[in-house]
Amino acid sequence: MSERAAPFYCPYCGDEDLRPSEQGHGAWECGACNRAFQLKFLGLLAQGLRRADDQEDEQT
């Protein structure tokens, strides 16, 4: 991830008091709930690829 790809809020408590962690690249710490988490880029989805759940919802 690049410097531009930063979380806007904590995925656990929703607070915006985040700072980079010393654990390494993509790791963040929340000052509000005292939790640490890590972001990881998994890859790109193919254009037009959809989950089976989405397709079933449209058929009903």
C-alpha atoms as a PDB file:
ATOM      1  CA  MET A   1       0.000   0.000   0.000  1.00  0.00           C
ATOM      2  CA  SER A   2       1.116   3.501  -0.632  1.00  0.00           C
ATOM      3  CA  GLU A   3       1.130   6.441   1.748  1.00  0.00           C
ATOM      4  CA  ARG A   4      -2.172   7.574   0.212  1.00  0.00           C
ATOM      5  CA  ALA A   5      -4.009   4.387   1.162  1.00  0.00           C
ATOM      6  CA  ALA A   6      -4.788   5.082   4.801  1.00  0.00           C
ATOM      7  CA  PRO A   7      -7.884   4.133   6.800  1.00  0.00           C
ATOM      8  CA  PHE A   8     -10.266   6.928   7.700  1.00  0.00           C
ATOM      9  CA  TYR A   9     -11.657   5.260  10.819  1.00  0.00           C
ATOM     10  CA  CYS A  10     -11.027   2.323  13.142  1.00  0.00           C
ATOM     11  CA  PRO A  11     -12.816  -0.861  11.966  1.00  0.00           C
ATOM     12  CA  TYR A  12     -13.548  -1.770  15.607  1.00  0.00           C
ATOM     13  CA  CYS A  13     -14.842   1.415  17.247  1.00  0.00           C
ATOM     14  CA  GLY A  14     -15.255   3.819  14.311  1.00  0.00           C
ATOM     15  CA  ASP A  15     -13.086   6.549  15.828  1.00  0.00           C
ATOM     16  CA  GLU A  16     -10.744   8.614  13.658  1.00  0.00           C
ATOM     17  CA  ASP A  17      -7.814   8.771  16.136  1.00  0.00           C
ATOM     18  CA  LEU A  18      -5.470   6.585  14.063  1.00  0.00           C
ATOM     19  CA  ARG A  19      -1.704   6.592  13.754  1.00  0.00           C
ATOM     20  CA  PRO A  20       0.759   4.341  11.918  1.00  0.00           C
ATOM     21  CA  SER A  21       2.047   1.470  14.024  1.00  0.00           C
ATOM     22  CA  GLU A  22       5.696   0.586  14.546  1.00  0.00           C
ATOM     23  CA  GLN A  23       4.818  -3.016  13.589  1.00  0.00           C
ATOM     24  CA  GLY A  24       5.405  -2.309   9.937  1.00  0.00           C
ATOM     25  CA  HIS A  25       3.829  -1.483   6.618  1.00  0.00           C
ATOM     26  CA  GLY A  26       0.033  -1.297   6.694  1.00  0.00           C
ATOM     27  CA  ALA A  27      -0.250  -1.529  10.493  1.00  0.00           C
ATOM     28  CA  TRP A  28      -2.286   1.069  12.383  1.00  0.00           C
ATOM     29  CA  GLU A  29      -3.131   1.847  16.016  1.00  0.00           C
ATOM     30  CA  CYS A  30      -6.352   3.372  17.331  1.00  0.00           C
ATOM     31  CA  GLY A  31      -5.921   5.802  20.208  1.00  0.00           C
ATOM     32  CA  ALA A  32      -9.597   5.571  21.186  1.00  0.00           C
ATOM     33  CA  CYS A  33     -10.010   1.804  21.722  1.00  0.00           C
ATOM     34  CA  ASN A  34      -6.292   0.920  22.042  1.00  0.00           C
ATOM     35  CA  ARG A  35      -6.443  -1.713  19.291  1.00  0.00           C
ATOM     36  CA  ALA A  36      -3.982  -2.387  16.500  1.00  0.00           C
ATOM     37  CA  PHE A  37      -4.920  -3.670  13.064  1.00  0.00           C
ATOM     38  CA  GLN A  38      -3.282  -4.213   9.703  1.00  0.00           C
ATOM     39  CA  LEU A  39      -4.481  -3.436   6.182  1.00  0.00           C
ATOM     40  CA  LYS A  40      -3.667  -5.777   3.336  1.00  0.00           C
ATOM     41  CA  PHE A  41      -4.333  -5.371  -0.367  1.00  0.00           C
ATOM     42  CA  LEU A  42      -5.672  -8.669  -1.725  1.00  0.00           C
ATOM     43  CA  GLY A  43      -5.854  -7.859  -5.437  1.00  0.00           C
ATOM     44  CA  LEU A  44      -8.142  -6.612  -8.157  1.00  0.00           C
ATOM     45  CA  LEU A  45     -11.492  -8.159  -9.035  1.00  0.00           C
ATOM     46  CA  ALA A  46     -12.256  -9.025 -12.617  1.00  0.00           C
ATOM     47  CA  GLN A  47     -14.676  -6.592 -14.259  1.00  0.00           C
ATOM     48  CA  GLY A  48     -18.198  -7.967 -14.077  1.00  0.00           C
ATOM     49  CA  LEU A  49     -17.323 -10.508 -11.381  1.00  0.00           C
ATOM     50  CA  ARG A  50     -20.097 -10.650  -8.797  1.00  0.00           C
ATOM     51  CA  ARG A  51     -20.857 -12.758  -5.784  1.00  0.00           C
ATOM     52  CA  ALA A  52     -23.452 -15.524  -6.105  1.00  0.00           C
ATOM     53  CA  ASP A  53     -25.600 -13.819  -3.420  1.00  0.00           C
ATOM     54  CA  ASP A  54     -25.924 -10.679  -5.568  1.00  0.00           C
ATOM     55  CA  GLN A  55     -27.057 -12.687  -8.596  1.00  0.00           C
ATOM     56  CA  GLU A  56     -29.720 -14.567  -6.598  1.00  0.00           C
ATOM     57  CA  ASP A  57     -31.134 -11.297  -5.202  1.00  0.00           C
ATOM     58  CA  GLU A  58     -31.661  -9.914  -8.708  1.00  0.00           C
ATOM     59  CA  GLN A  59     -33.485 -13.039  -9.895  1.00  0.00           C
ATOM     60  CA  THR A  60     -36.178 -12.806  -7.212  1.00  0.00           C
END
